[in-house]
Amino acid sequence: MDVGLFLNTQWHKHETASVADITAQANAARDAGFDSVWLPHHYLTEPMQMMQPFTLLGYLVPETGNMLLGMDILLLPMLSPTMVAEEWATLDVLSGGRAVLGVGMGARPEEFEAMGVPRRERAPRMAESVELIRRLWTEDRVTFKGRFYSVTDAGIGLRPVQPGGPPIFIAAMADAAVDRAARIGDGWLIAPNDDLGKVQGHVQTYREALRRHNRPSTTPVRLTRECYIGTDRARAFEECRPALEAKYQAYVSWGSVKAFGGEKQLSFQDFARDRFLIGDEASVRDDIARYAETLGVDQFIMRTQWLGLPIDNAIGTIEALGRIFA
C-alpha cells in the first residue's frame, strides 16, 4: 500500500505562517517512506491564513526526495485551464516528472464570485478544462473552441516530462461526480468527509462507471482520511479533538458537511466513527487494513495536522504511519 501526506498550509490569524513547519512535515514524510505530498487550495480565507499551492509546490521540490507532488484539490473551474497546463508542466519539469494534478469543483460562493465564475457552471467548466489541459500537454499546436475556453493554433511554452503530462485525479463526493471522475479522470480522489458506508457505495458506483465508460478497472483510487496517532485511543481523541472539531465546524459553515452539529448534534466520537483514523498505532493499523479490505483501495492520503495542533504531534503521527505502511 502507498501513503501520501496532506500538508497543512493554514494558520490562525494571530499565528506566524511557518515555512519551517511545512518543511518539517514534508521532510518527515520523505524520511518515513511516504510516496506523495498533497496540498489544498482556497482563496479568501481570512481570518485564516493560507499559503497558495503553485509557489509552495515549487519550493517543496528539493525537500521531498522522490515523492509525488500533487493537489488535493485544485479548484479548477475558477482558473484558466491554459494557466494550469503551463504551471503544472513547469512543476513536472522542476520535479523531474513527479507532478500530479488533483482537481475538484469547489463549493464556496465567495470564491466563485471573486473569480467571476458562475457557480452553476462549475461542472461543465471542469470537464472542458481537463480536455483542454490534456491537449495542451500532448499537442504542439492546439485549436480548441469550447463553451467556456478557446485556443487558436497555439501551444504551451514548456512540455511536461511525463508522457501525456501529469496524471489528472478527479475529486468526487456524489454519484454524478463519481461517474464523471470515472469517465474523464486518470484516477479518483475520495474526500475525507464521508463515512465508510457512504464511501463504499461510491466505490461501487465508480467501479460500475469504469466498466460502462470502458476505462481500465485498475484506474487508481486514493482515499483521503483524517489521521491522528497517540499513545492510546482515549488520549489520541483528547489531543486532536479541538483542532479537528474546529475544522469540521468550518465545513459545516460552508455546507460541505451536514451531519456534524446541526439538527443531529452528533458527538465528536460518533461523527469520527468509520470516518477518521484516530487511536494508538495498533488500532489505526487495524483500521487501515479494514478500510483497504472493505473498499478495495491500496492508496491513502493522510491529513495529520489541523489549525491549532502542535507540529510535533503531527510529525509523531507521520512517523507512526511510516511504520504502519513499511
C-alpha atoms as a PDB file:
ATOM      1  CA  MET A   1       0.000   0.000   0.000  1.00  0.00           C
ATOM      2  CA  ASP A   2       1.030   3.615  -0.630  1.00  0.00           C
ATOM      3  CA  VAL A   3       0.546   6.541   1.723  1.00  0.00           C
ATOM      4  CA  GLY A   4       0.655  10.253   0.951  1.00  0.00           C
ATOM      5  CA  LEU A   5       0.685  13.276   3.243  1.00  0.00           C
ATOM      6  CA  PHE A   6      -1.943  16.012   3.016  1.00  0.00           C
ATOM      7  CA  LEU A   7       0.101  19.009   4.158  1.00  0.00           C
ATOM      8  CA  ASN A   8      -1.456  21.602   6.419  1.00  0.00           C
ATOM      9  CA  THR A   9      -0.892  25.048   4.882  1.00  0.00           C
ATOM     10  CA  GLN A  10      -3.200  27.020   7.203  1.00  0.00           C
ATOM     11  CA  TRP A  11      -2.681  29.098  10.340  1.00  0.00           C
ATOM     12  CA  HIS A  12      -4.802  31.177  12.664  1.00  0.00           C
ATOM     13  CA  LYS A  13      -4.704  34.909  12.036  1.00  0.00           C
ATOM     14  CA  HIS A  14      -2.695  35.570  15.197  1.00  0.00           C
ATOM     15  CA  GLU A  15      -0.047  32.951  14.316  1.00  0.00           C
ATOM     16  CA  THR A  16       3.016  33.329  12.123  1.00  0.00           C
ATOM     17  CA  ALA A  17       2.739  31.305   8.921  1.00  0.00           C
ATOM     18  CA  SER A  18       5.620  28.869   9.289  1.00  0.00           C
ATOM     19  CA  VAL A  19       7.616  27.605   6.337  1.00  0.00           C
ATOM     20  CA  ALA A  20       9.642  25.618   8.865  1.00  0.00           C
ATOM     21  CA  ASP A  21       6.525  23.657   9.908  1.00  0.00           C
ATOM     22  CA  ILE A  22       5.709  22.811   6.290  1.00  0.00           C
ATOM     23  CA  THR A  23       9.280  21.746   5.602  1.00  0.00           C
ATOM     24  CA  ALA A  24       9.367  19.643   8.763  1.00  0.00           C
ATOM     25  CA  GLN A  25       6.200  17.773   7.759  1.00  0.00           C
ATOM     26  CA  ALA A  26       7.431  17.189   4.205  1.00  0.00           C
ATOM     27  CA  ASN A  27      10.833  16.011   5.421  1.00  0.00           C
ATOM     28  CA  ALA A  28       9.234  13.687   7.981  1.00  0.00           C
ATOM     29  CA  ALA A  29       7.026  12.133   5.290  1.00  0.00           C
ATOM     30  CA  ARG A  30      10.007  11.712   2.976  1.00  0.00           C
ATOM     31  CA  ASP A  31      12.077  10.064   5.703  1.00  0.00           C
ATOM     32  CA  ALA A  32       9.164   7.827   6.751  1.00  0.00           C
ATOM     33  CA  GLY A  33       8.809   6.427   3.227  1.00  0.00           C
ATOM     34  CA  PHE A  34       5.635   8.216   2.096  1.00  0.00           C
ATOM     35  CA  ASP A  35       5.077   8.142  -1.664  1.00  0.00           C
ATOM     36  CA  SER A  36       3.473  11.561  -2.135  1.00  0.00           C
ATOM     37  CA  VAL A  37       2.696  15.029  -0.744  1.00  0.00           C
ATOM     38  CA  TRP A  38      -0.601  16.834  -1.458  1.00  0.00           C
ATOM     39  CA  LEU A  39      -1.679  20.457  -0.940  1.00  0.00           C
ATOM     40  CA  PRO A  40      -5.092  22.108  -0.533  1.00  0.00           C
ATOM     41  CA  HIS A  41      -6.315  25.186  -2.412  1.00  0.00           C
ATOM     42  CA  HIS A  42      -8.633  28.044  -1.408  1.00  0.00           C
ATOM     43  CA  TYR A  43      -8.987  31.801  -1.813  1.00  0.00           C
ATOM     44  CA  LEU A  44     -10.367  34.487   0.533  1.00  0.00           C
ATOM     45  CA  THR A  45      -9.746  32.534   3.743  1.00  0.00           C
ATOM     46  CA  GLU A  46      -9.422  35.498   6.143  1.00  0.00           C
ATOM     47  CA  PRO A  47      -9.265  35.327   9.185  1.00  0.00           C
ATOM     48  CA  MET A  48      -7.436  32.082   8.481  1.00  0.00           C
ATOM     49  CA  GLN A  49      -4.064  32.451   6.776  1.00  0.00           C
ATOM     50  CA  MET A  50      -3.331  30.071   3.901  1.00  0.00           C
ATOM     51  CA  MET A  51      -0.406  29.664   1.509  1.00  0.00           C
ATOM     52  CA  GLN A  52      -1.108  29.268  -2.202  1.00  0.00           C
ATOM     53  CA  PRO A  53      -0.062  25.971  -3.782  1.00  0.00           C
ATOM     54  CA  PHE A  54       1.660  26.882  -7.078  1.00  0.00           C
ATOM     55  CA  THR A  55       4.557  28.651  -5.378  1.00  0.00           C
ATOM     56  CA  LEU A  56       4.650  26.279  -2.409  1.00  0.00           C
ATOM     57  CA  LEU A  57       4.903  23.152  -4.566  1.00  0.00           C
ATOM     58  CA  GLY A  58       7.891  24.637  -6.360  1.00  0.00           C
ATOM     59  CA  TYR A  59       9.516  25.334  -3.006  1.00  0.00           C
ATOM     60  CA  LEU A  60       8.924  21.737  -1.929  1.00  0.00           C
ATOM     61  CA  VAL A  61      10.607  20.136  -4.951  1.00  0.00           C
ATOM     62  CA  PRO A  62      14.055  19.795  -3.300  1.00  0.00           C
ATOM     63  CA  GLU A  63      12.547  18.910   0.102  1.00  0.00           C
ATOM     64  CA  THR A  64      10.563  15.874  -0.991  1.00  0.00           C
ATOM     65  CA  GLY A  65      13.027  13.356  -2.409  1.00  0.00           C
ATOM     66  CA  ASN A  66      11.258  11.076  -4.880  1.00  0.00           C
ATOM     67  CA  MET A  67       7.741  11.726  -3.616  1.00  0.00           C
ATOM     68  CA  LEU A  68       4.956  12.720  -5.988  1.00  0.00           C
ATOM     69  CA  LEU A  69       3.749  16.326  -5.669  1.00  0.00           C
ATOM     70  CA  GLY A  70       0.010  16.772  -6.023  1.00  0.00           C
ATOM     71  CA  MET A  71      -3.105  18.783  -5.273  1.00  0.00           C
ATOM     72  CA  ASP A  72      -5.972  17.593  -3.108  1.00  0.00           C
ATOM     73  CA  ILE A  73      -7.590  19.588  -4.634  1.00  0.00           C
ATOM     74  CA  LEU A  74      -7.058  22.406  -7.126  1.00  0.00           C
ATOM     75  CA  LEU A  75     -10.282  24.377  -7.654  1.00  0.00           C
ATOM     76  CA  LEU A  76     -10.115  24.010 -11.416  1.00  0.00           C
ATOM     77  CA  PRO A  77     -13.406  25.659 -12.535  1.00  0.00           C
ATOM     78  CA  MET A  78     -12.217  29.010 -11.135  1.00  0.00           C
ATOM     79  CA  LEU A  79      -8.975  29.000 -13.126  1.00  0.00           C
ATOM     80  CA  SER A  80      -7.846  29.263 -16.726  1.00  0.00           C
ATOM     81  CA  PRO A  81      -7.013  25.755 -17.992  1.00  0.00           C
ATOM     82  CA  THR A  82      -4.222  27.224 -20.103  1.00  0.00           C
ATOM     83  CA  MET A  83      -2.623  28.710 -16.983  1.00  0.00           C
ATOM     84  CA  VAL A  84      -2.975  25.405 -15.124  1.00  0.00           C
ATOM     85  CA  ALA A  85      -1.458  23.473 -18.036  1.00  0.00           C
ATOM     86  CA  GLU A  86       1.544  25.828 -18.087  1.00  0.00           C
ATOM     87  CA  GLU A  87       2.010  25.791 -14.289  1.00  0.00           C
ATOM     88  CA  TRP A  88       1.828  22.004 -13.995  1.00  0.00           C
ATOM     89  CA  ALA A  89       4.133  21.467 -16.954  1.00  0.00           C
ATOM     90  CA  THR A  90       6.649  23.679 -15.150  1.00  0.00           C
ATOM     91  CA  LEU A  91       6.207  21.728 -11.890  1.00  0.00           C
ATOM     92  CA  ASP A  92       6.668  18.456 -13.768  1.00  0.00           C
ATOM     93  CA  VAL A  93       9.945  19.697 -15.262  1.00  0.00           C
ATOM     94  CA  LEU A  94      11.214  21.130 -11.961  1.00  0.00           C
ATOM     95  CA  SER A  95      10.437  17.878 -10.129  1.00  0.00           C
ATOM     96  CA  GLY A  96      11.720  15.512 -12.801  1.00  0.00           C
ATOM     97  CA  GLY A  97       8.285  14.101 -13.601  1.00  0.00           C
ATOM     98  CA  ARG A  98       6.751  13.923 -10.114  1.00  0.00           C
ATOM     99  CA  ALA A  99       3.719  16.181 -10.630  1.00  0.00           C
ATOM    100  CA  VAL A 100       0.122  15.012 -10.114  1.00  0.00           C
ATOM    101  CA  LEU A 101      -2.889  17.251 -10.724  1.00  0.00           C
ATOM    102  CA  GLY A 102      -5.822  16.605  -8.403  1.00  0.00           C
ATOM    103  CA  VAL A 103      -8.832  18.749  -9.287  1.00  0.00           C
ATOM    104  CA  GLY A 104     -12.304  19.371  -7.932  1.00  0.00           C
ATOM    105  CA  MET A 105     -15.258  21.674  -8.431  1.00  0.00           C
ATOM    106  CA  GLY A 106     -15.148  23.762  -5.250  1.00  0.00           C
ATOM    107  CA  ALA A 107     -18.130  24.916  -3.211  1.00  0.00           C
ATOM    108  CA  ARG A 108     -17.688  28.308  -1.513  1.00  0.00           C
ATOM    109  CA  PRO A 109     -19.796  31.001  -3.242  1.00  0.00           C
ATOM    110  CA  GLU A 110     -17.417  33.839  -2.299  1.00  0.00           C
ATOM    111  CA  GLU A 111     -14.579  32.203  -4.222  1.00  0.00           C
ATOM    112  CA  PHE A 112     -16.630  31.837  -7.398  1.00  0.00           C
ATOM    113  CA  GLU A 113     -17.894  35.413  -7.108  1.00  0.00           C
ATOM    114  CA  ALA A 114     -14.384  36.796  -6.663  1.00  0.00           C
ATOM    115  CA  MET A 115     -13.107  34.859  -9.683  1.00  0.00           C
ATOM    116  CA  GLY A 116     -16.008  35.989 -11.850  1.00  0.00           C
ATOM    117  CA  VAL A 117     -17.204  32.418 -12.481  1.00  0.00           C
ATOM    118  CA  PRO A 118     -20.866  31.434 -12.013  1.00  0.00           C
ATOM    119  CA  ARG A 119     -21.018  28.596  -9.513  1.00  0.00           C
ATOM    120  CA  ARG A 120     -23.667  26.809 -11.583  1.00  0.00           C
ATOM    121  CA  GLU A 121     -21.117  26.370 -14.383  1.00  0.00           C
ATOM    122  CA  ARG A 122     -18.516  24.563 -12.302  1.00  0.00           C
ATOM    123  CA  ALA A 123     -19.171  21.017 -13.560  1.00  0.00           C
ATOM    124  CA  PRO A 124     -19.043  21.738 -17.317  1.00  0.00           C
ATOM    125  CA  ARG A 125     -16.116  24.121 -16.836  1.00  0.00           C
ATOM    126  CA  MET A 126     -14.125  21.419 -15.069  1.00  0.00           C
ATOM    127  CA  ALA A 127     -14.792  18.789 -17.741  1.00  0.00           C
ATOM    128  CA  GLU A 128     -13.887  21.219 -20.524  1.00  0.00           C
ATOM    129  CA  SER A 129     -10.745  22.306 -18.677  1.00  0.00           C
ATOM    130  CA  VAL A 130      -9.498  18.732 -18.296  1.00  0.00           C
ATOM    131  CA  GLU A 131      -9.937  18.132 -22.020  1.00  0.00           C
ATOM    132  CA  LEU A 132      -8.067  21.299 -22.969  1.00  0.00           C
ATOM    133  CA  ILE A 133      -5.241  20.734 -20.463  1.00  0.00           C
ATOM    134  CA  ARG A 134      -4.578  17.262 -21.865  1.00  0.00           C
ATOM    135  CA  ARG A 135      -4.487  18.586 -25.418  1.00  0.00           C
ATOM    136  CA  LEU A 136      -2.102  21.384 -24.469  1.00  0.00           C
ATOM    137  CA  TRP A 137       0.217  18.832 -22.841  1.00  0.00           C
ATOM    138  CA  THR A 138       0.241  16.453 -25.800  1.00  0.00           C
ATOM    139  CA  GLU A 139      -0.119  18.523 -28.978  1.00  0.00           C
ATOM    140  CA  ASP A 140       2.366  21.008 -30.417  1.00  0.00           C
ATOM    141  CA  ARG A 141      -0.352  23.414 -31.518  1.00  0.00           C
ATOM    142  CA  VAL A 142      -3.962  23.375 -30.405  1.00  0.00           C
ATOM    143  CA  THR A 143      -7.168  24.770 -31.816  1.00  0.00           C
ATOM    144  CA  PHE A 144      -9.956  24.408 -29.290  1.00  0.00           C
ATOM    145  CA  LYS A 145     -13.380  26.066 -29.360  1.00  0.00           C
ATOM    146  CA  GLY A 146     -15.340  25.194 -26.245  1.00  0.00           C
ATOM    147  CA  ARG A 147     -18.289  26.649 -24.417  1.00  0.00           C
ATOM    148  CA  PHE A 148     -16.023  28.491 -21.962  1.00  0.00           C
ATOM    149  CA  TYR A 149     -12.451  28.398 -23.285  1.00  0.00           C
ATOM    150  CA  SER A 150     -10.788  28.895 -26.662  1.00  0.00           C
ATOM    151  CA  VAL A 151      -7.289  28.425 -28.050  1.00  0.00           C
ATOM    152  CA  THR A 152      -6.457  29.117 -31.693  1.00  0.00           C
ATOM    153  CA  ASP A 153      -3.444  27.445 -33.277  1.00  0.00           C
ATOM    154  CA  ALA A 154      -1.184  27.840 -30.235  1.00  0.00           C
ATOM    155  CA  GLY A 155       0.938  25.680 -27.955  1.00  0.00           C
ATOM    156  CA  ILE A 156       2.234  25.945 -24.394  1.00  0.00           C
ATOM    157  CA  GLY A 157       5.775  27.097 -23.717  1.00  0.00           C
ATOM    158  CA  LEU A 158       7.037  24.013 -21.863  1.00  0.00           C
ATOM    159  CA  ARG A 159       6.123  20.349 -22.281  1.00  0.00           C
ATOM    160  CA  PRO A 160       5.807  18.070 -19.227  1.00  0.00           C
ATOM    161  CA  VAL A 161       8.408  15.388 -18.553  1.00  0.00           C
ATOM    162  CA  GLN A 162       5.795  12.647 -18.141  1.00  0.00           C
ATOM    163  CA  PRO A 163       4.462  11.271 -21.450  1.00  0.00           C
ATOM    164  CA  GLY A 164       0.950  12.614 -21.847  1.00  0.00           C
ATOM    165  CA  GLY A 165       1.500  15.005 -18.947  1.00  0.00           C
ATOM    166  CA  PRO A 166       0.896  14.566 -15.203  1.00  0.00           C
ATOM    167  CA  PRO A 167      -1.988  12.262 -14.257  1.00  0.00           C
ATOM    168  CA  ILE A 168      -5.220  14.107 -13.507  1.00  0.00           C
ATOM    169  CA  PHE A 169      -7.142  12.834 -10.477  1.00  0.00           C
ATOM    170  CA  ILE A 170     -10.761  13.959 -10.112  1.00  0.00           C
ATOM    171  CA  ALA A 171     -12.280  14.546  -6.674  1.00  0.00           C
ATOM    172  CA  ALA A 172     -15.899  13.489  -6.273  1.00  0.00           C
ATOM    173  CA  MET A 173     -18.381  13.086  -3.413  1.00  0.00           C
ATOM    174  CA  ALA A 174     -21.731  12.472  -5.191  1.00  0.00           C
ATOM    175  CA  ASP A 175     -22.846   9.834  -7.682  1.00  0.00           C
ATOM    176  CA  ALA A 176     -22.882  12.124 -10.735  1.00  0.00           C
ATOM    177  CA  ALA A 177     -19.435  13.466  -9.849  1.00  0.00           C
ATOM    178  CA  VAL A 178     -18.106   9.938  -9.231  1.00  0.00           C
ATOM    179  CA  ASP A 179     -19.341   8.930 -12.683  1.00  0.00           C
ATOM    180  CA  ARG A 180     -17.556  11.962 -14.149  1.00  0.00           C
ATOM    181  CA  ALA A 181     -14.350  11.008 -12.351  1.00  0.00           C
ATOM    182  CA  ALA A 182     -14.511   7.536 -13.890  1.00  0.00           C
ATOM    183  CA  ARG A 183     -15.198   8.994 -17.338  1.00  0.00           C
ATOM    184  CA  ILE A 184     -12.539  11.719 -17.581  1.00  0.00           C
ATOM    185  CA  GLY A 185     -10.028  11.113 -14.780  1.00  0.00           C
ATOM    186  CA  ASP A 186      -6.748   9.235 -14.585  1.00  0.00           C
ATOM    187  CA  GLY A 187      -7.769   8.471 -11.011  1.00  0.00           C
ATOM    188  CA  TRP A 188     -10.303   9.335  -8.311  1.00  0.00           C
ATOM    189  CA  LEU A 189      -9.692  11.275  -5.083  1.00  0.00           C
ATOM    190  CA  ILE A 190     -12.058  10.351  -2.244  1.00  0.00           C
ATOM    191  CA  ALA A 191     -12.578  13.225   0.201  1.00  0.00           C
ATOM    192  CA  PRO A 192     -12.232  12.723   3.981  1.00  0.00           C
ATOM    193  CA  ASN A 193     -15.743  13.981   4.754  1.00  0.00           C
ATOM    194  CA  ASP A 194     -17.867  10.840   4.220  1.00  0.00           C
ATOM    195  CA  ASP A 195     -18.045   7.784   6.464  1.00  0.00           C
ATOM    196  CA  LEU A 196     -17.038   4.296   5.399  1.00  0.00           C
ATOM    197  CA  GLY A 197     -20.558   3.161   4.487  1.00  0.00           C
ATOM    198  CA  LYS A 198     -21.153   6.091   2.148  1.00  0.00           C
ATOM    199  CA  VAL A 199     -17.714   5.746   0.592  1.00  0.00           C
ATOM    200  CA  GLN A 200     -18.370   2.049  -0.006  1.00  0.00           C
ATOM    201  CA  GLY A 201     -21.449   2.947  -2.050  1.00  0.00           C
ATOM    202  CA  HIS A 202     -19.470   5.480  -4.073  1.00  0.00           C
ATOM    203  CA  VAL A 203     -16.723   2.926  -4.731  1.00  0.00           C
ATOM    204  CA  GLN A 204     -19.309   0.565  -6.191  1.00  0.00           C
ATOM    205  CA  THR A 205     -20.651   3.408  -8.357  1.00  0.00           C
ATOM    206  CA  TYR A 206     -17.104   4.179  -9.518  1.00  0.00           C
ATOM    207  CA  ARG A 207     -16.302   0.581 -10.444  1.00  0.00           C
ATOM    208  CA  GLU A 208     -19.545   0.297 -12.387  1.00  0.00           C
ATOM    209  CA  ALA A 209     -18.848   3.596 -14.160  1.00  0.00           C
ATOM    210  CA  LEU A 210     -15.358   2.441 -15.169  1.00  0.00           C
ATOM    211  CA  ARG A 211     -16.913  -0.577 -16.866  1.00  0.00           C
ATOM    212  CA  ARG A 212     -19.626   1.497 -18.527  1.00  0.00           C
ATOM    213  CA  HIS A 213     -17.112   4.010 -19.913  1.00  0.00           C
ATOM    214  CA  ASN A 214     -14.670   1.271 -20.990  1.00  0.00           C
ATOM    215  CA  ARG A 215     -11.989   2.534 -18.617  1.00  0.00           C
ATOM    216  CA  PRO A 216      -9.373   0.199 -17.080  1.00  0.00           C
ATOM    217  CA  SER A 217     -10.516  -1.499 -13.883  1.00  0.00           C
ATOM    218  CA  THR A 218      -7.066  -0.712 -12.458  1.00  0.00           C
ATOM    219  CA  THR A 219      -7.640   3.074 -12.665  1.00  0.00           C
ATOM    220  CA  PRO A 220      -6.256   4.218  -9.295  1.00  0.00           C
ATOM    221  CA  VAL A 221      -8.230   5.452  -6.301  1.00  0.00           C
ATOM    222  CA  ARG A 222      -6.740   7.485  -3.431  1.00  0.00           C
ATOM    223  CA  LEU A 223      -8.647   7.690  -0.182  1.00  0.00           C
ATOM    224  CA  THR A 224      -8.097  10.815   1.938  1.00  0.00           C
ATOM    225  CA  ARG A 225      -8.579  10.421   5.693  1.00  0.00           C
ATOM    226  CA  GLU A 226      -8.006  12.488   8.810  1.00  0.00           C
ATOM    227  CA  CYS A 227      -5.482  10.591  10.927  1.00  0.00           C
ATOM    228  CA  TYR A 228      -4.045  11.053  14.411  1.00  0.00           C
ATOM    229  CA  ILE A 229      -1.988   8.524  16.345  1.00  0.00           C
ATOM    230  CA  GLY A 230      -1.328   8.837  20.081  1.00  0.00           C
ATOM    231  CA  THR A 231      -0.183   6.618  22.913  1.00  0.00           C
ATOM    232  CA  ASP A 232      -3.713   5.259  23.408  1.00  0.00           C
ATOM    233  CA  ARG A 233      -7.146   5.809  21.834  1.00  0.00           C
ATOM    234  CA  ALA A 234      -8.609   7.958  24.620  1.00  0.00           C
ATOM    235  CA  ARG A 235      -5.606  10.263  24.753  1.00  0.00           C
ATOM    236  CA  ALA A 236      -5.456  10.482  20.962  1.00  0.00           C
ATOM    237  CA  PHE A 237      -9.075  11.696  20.833  1.00  0.00           C
ATOM    238  CA  GLU A 238      -8.400  14.195  23.601  1.00  0.00           C
ATOM    239  CA  GLU A 239      -5.292  15.606  21.883  1.00  0.00           C
ATOM    240  CA  CYS A 240      -6.689  16.046  18.371  1.00  0.00           C
ATOM    241  CA  ARG A 241     -10.312  16.855  19.137  1.00  0.00           C
ATOM    242  CA  PRO A 242     -10.133  20.679  19.468  1.00  0.00           C
ATOM    243  CA  ALA A 243      -8.316  21.183  16.156  1.00  0.00           C
ATOM    244  CA  LEU A 244     -10.209  18.551  14.177  1.00  0.00           C
ATOM    245  CA  GLU A 245     -13.604  19.520  15.562  1.00  0.00           C
ATOM    246  CA  ALA A 246     -12.984  23.170  14.611  1.00  0.00           C
ATOM    247  CA  LYS A 247     -12.011  22.065  11.091  1.00  0.00           C
ATOM    248  CA  TYR A 248     -15.296  20.263  10.579  1.00  0.00           C
ATOM    249  CA  GLN A 249     -17.357  23.041  12.084  1.00  0.00           C
ATOM    250  CA  ALA A 250     -15.878  25.178   9.299  1.00  0.00           C
ATOM    251  CA  TYR A 251     -17.006  22.563   6.762  1.00  0.00           C
ATOM    252  CA  VAL A 252     -20.497  22.757   8.245  1.00  0.00           C
ATOM    253  CA  SER A 253     -20.499  26.535   7.747  1.00  0.00           C
ATOM    254  CA  TRP A 254     -19.506  26.006   4.074  1.00  0.00           C
ATOM    255  CA  GLY A 255     -22.246  23.423   3.540  1.00  0.00           C
ATOM    256  CA  SER A 256     -19.708  20.666   2.816  1.00  0.00           C
ATOM    257  CA  VAL A 257     -20.703  18.589   5.864  1.00  0.00           C
ATOM    258  CA  LYS A 258     -24.289  18.295   7.082  1.00  0.00           C
ATOM    259  CA  ALA A 259     -24.123  15.528   9.688  1.00  0.00           C
ATOM    260  CA  PHE A 260     -21.843  17.141  12.264  1.00  0.00           C
ATOM    261  CA  GLY A 261     -23.622  19.503  14.604  1.00  0.00           C
ATOM    262  CA  GLY A 262     -26.842  20.943  13.193  1.00  0.00           C
ATOM    263  CA  GLU A 263     -30.056  19.050  13.902  1.00  0.00           C
ATOM    264  CA  LYS A 264     -28.421  15.667  14.549  1.00  0.00           C
ATOM    265  CA  GLN A 265     -25.994  17.013  17.171  1.00  0.00           C
ATOM    266  CA  LEU A 266     -23.654  14.037  16.869  1.00  0.00           C
ATOM    267  CA  SER A 267     -20.875  13.806  19.408  1.00  0.00           C
ATOM    268  CA  PHE A 268     -17.326  14.095  18.118  1.00  0.00           C
ATOM    269  CA  GLN A 269     -16.717  10.396  18.807  1.00  0.00           C
ATOM    270  CA  ASP A 270     -19.889   9.370  16.947  1.00  0.00           C
ATOM    271  CA  PHE A 271     -19.055  11.582  13.995  1.00  0.00           C
ATOM    272  CA  ALA A 272     -15.471  10.284  13.912  1.00  0.00           C
ATOM    273  CA  ARG A 273     -16.515   6.634  13.883  1.00  0.00           C
ATOM    274  CA  ASP A 274     -15.800   4.998  10.489  1.00  0.00           C
ATOM    275  CA  ARG A 275     -14.702   8.398   9.192  1.00  0.00           C
ATOM    276  CA  PHE A 276     -11.437   9.372  10.958  1.00  0.00           C
ATOM    277  CA  LEU A 277      -8.443   7.210  11.836  1.00  0.00           C
ATOM    278  CA  ILE A 278      -7.756   8.080  15.478  1.00  0.00           C
ATOM    279  CA  GLY A 279      -6.144   5.856  18.078  1.00  0.00           C
ATOM    280  CA  ASP A 280      -2.915   4.198  19.041  1.00  0.00           C
ATOM    281  CA  GLU A 281      -0.616   2.709  16.410  1.00  0.00           C
ATOM    282  CA  ALA A 282      -2.080  -0.794  16.603  1.00  0.00           C
ATOM    283  CA  SER A 283      -5.724   0.303  16.324  1.00  0.00           C
ATOM    284  CA  VAL A 284      -5.003   2.662  13.431  1.00  0.00           C
ATOM    285  CA  ARG A 285      -3.099  -0.135  11.676  1.00  0.00           C
ATOM    286  CA  ASP A 286      -6.174  -2.357  12.055  1.00  0.00           C
ATOM    287  CA  ASP A 287      -8.500   0.384  10.793  1.00  0.00           C
ATOM    288  CA  ILE A 288      -6.348   0.998   7.719  1.00  0.00           C
ATOM    289  CA  ALA A 289      -6.439  -2.718   6.920  1.00  0.00           C
ATOM    290  CA  ARG A 290     -10.234  -2.705   7.381  1.00  0.00           C
ATOM    291  CA  TYR A 291     -10.679   0.258   5.047  1.00  0.00           C
ATOM    292  CA  ALA A 292      -8.386  -1.323   2.445  1.00  0.00           C
ATOM    293  CA  GLU A 293     -10.284  -4.629   2.542  1.00  0.00           C
ATOM    294  CA  THR A 294     -13.770  -3.079   2.606  1.00  0.00           C
ATOM    295  CA  LEU A 295     -13.139  -0.587  -0.200  1.00  0.00           C
ATOM    296  CA  GLY A 296     -10.522  -2.417  -2.253  1.00  0.00           C
ATOM    297  CA  VAL A 297      -8.132   0.555  -2.128  1.00  0.00           C
ATOM    298  CA  ASP A 298      -4.395   0.491  -1.530  1.00  0.00           C
ATOM    299  CA  GLN A 299      -3.534   4.191  -1.779  1.00  0.00           C
ATOM    300  CA  PHE A 300      -4.195   6.572   1.117  1.00  0.00           C
ATOM    301  CA  ILE A 301      -3.674  10.295   1.719  1.00  0.00           C
ATOM    302  CA  MET A 302      -3.464  11.192   5.410  1.00  0.00           C
ATOM    303  CA  ARG A 303      -4.033  14.639   6.897  1.00  0.00           C
ATOM    304  CA  THR A 304      -2.269  14.671  10.251  1.00  0.00           C
ATOM    305  CA  GLN A 305      -2.391  18.343  11.298  1.00  0.00           C
ATOM    306  CA  TRP A 306      -5.116  20.976  11.604  1.00  0.00           C
ATOM    307  CA  LEU A 307      -5.162  24.547  12.892  1.00  0.00           C
ATOM    308  CA  GLY A 308      -4.009  24.580  16.493  1.00  0.00           C
ATOM    309  CA  LEU A 309      -2.403  21.125  16.631  1.00  0.00           C
ATOM    310  CA  PRO A 310       1.301  21.288  17.584  1.00  0.00           C
ATOM    311  CA  ILE A 311       3.681  20.359  14.792  1.00  0.00           C
ATOM    312  CA  ASP A 312       5.441  17.759  16.963  1.00  0.00           C
ATOM    313  CA  ASN A 313       2.161  15.868  17.369  1.00  0.00           C
ATOM    314  CA  ALA A 314       1.627  15.812  13.601  1.00  0.00           C
ATOM    315  CA  ILE A 315       5.155  14.563  12.978  1.00  0.00           C
ATOM    316  CA  GLY A 316       4.607  11.817  15.562  1.00  0.00           C
ATOM    317  CA  THR A 317       1.633  10.612  13.513  1.00  0.00           C
ATOM    318  CA  ILE A 318       3.652  10.788  10.282  1.00  0.00           C
ATOM    319  CA  GLU A 319       6.419   8.681  11.807  1.00  0.00           C
ATOM    320  CA  ALA A 320       3.915   6.131  13.125  1.00  0.00           C
ATOM    321  CA  LEU A 321       2.265   5.896   9.687  1.00  0.00           C
ATOM    322  CA  GLY A 322       5.693   5.248   8.184  1.00  0.00           C
ATOM    323  CA  ARG A 323       5.987   2.196  10.440  1.00  0.00           C
ATOM    324  CA  ILE A 324       2.455   1.045   9.606  1.00  0.00           C
ATOM    325  CA  PHE A 325       2.981   1.264   5.842  1.00  0.00           C
ATOM    326  CA  ALA A 326       6.576  -0.039   5.854  1.00  0.00           C
END
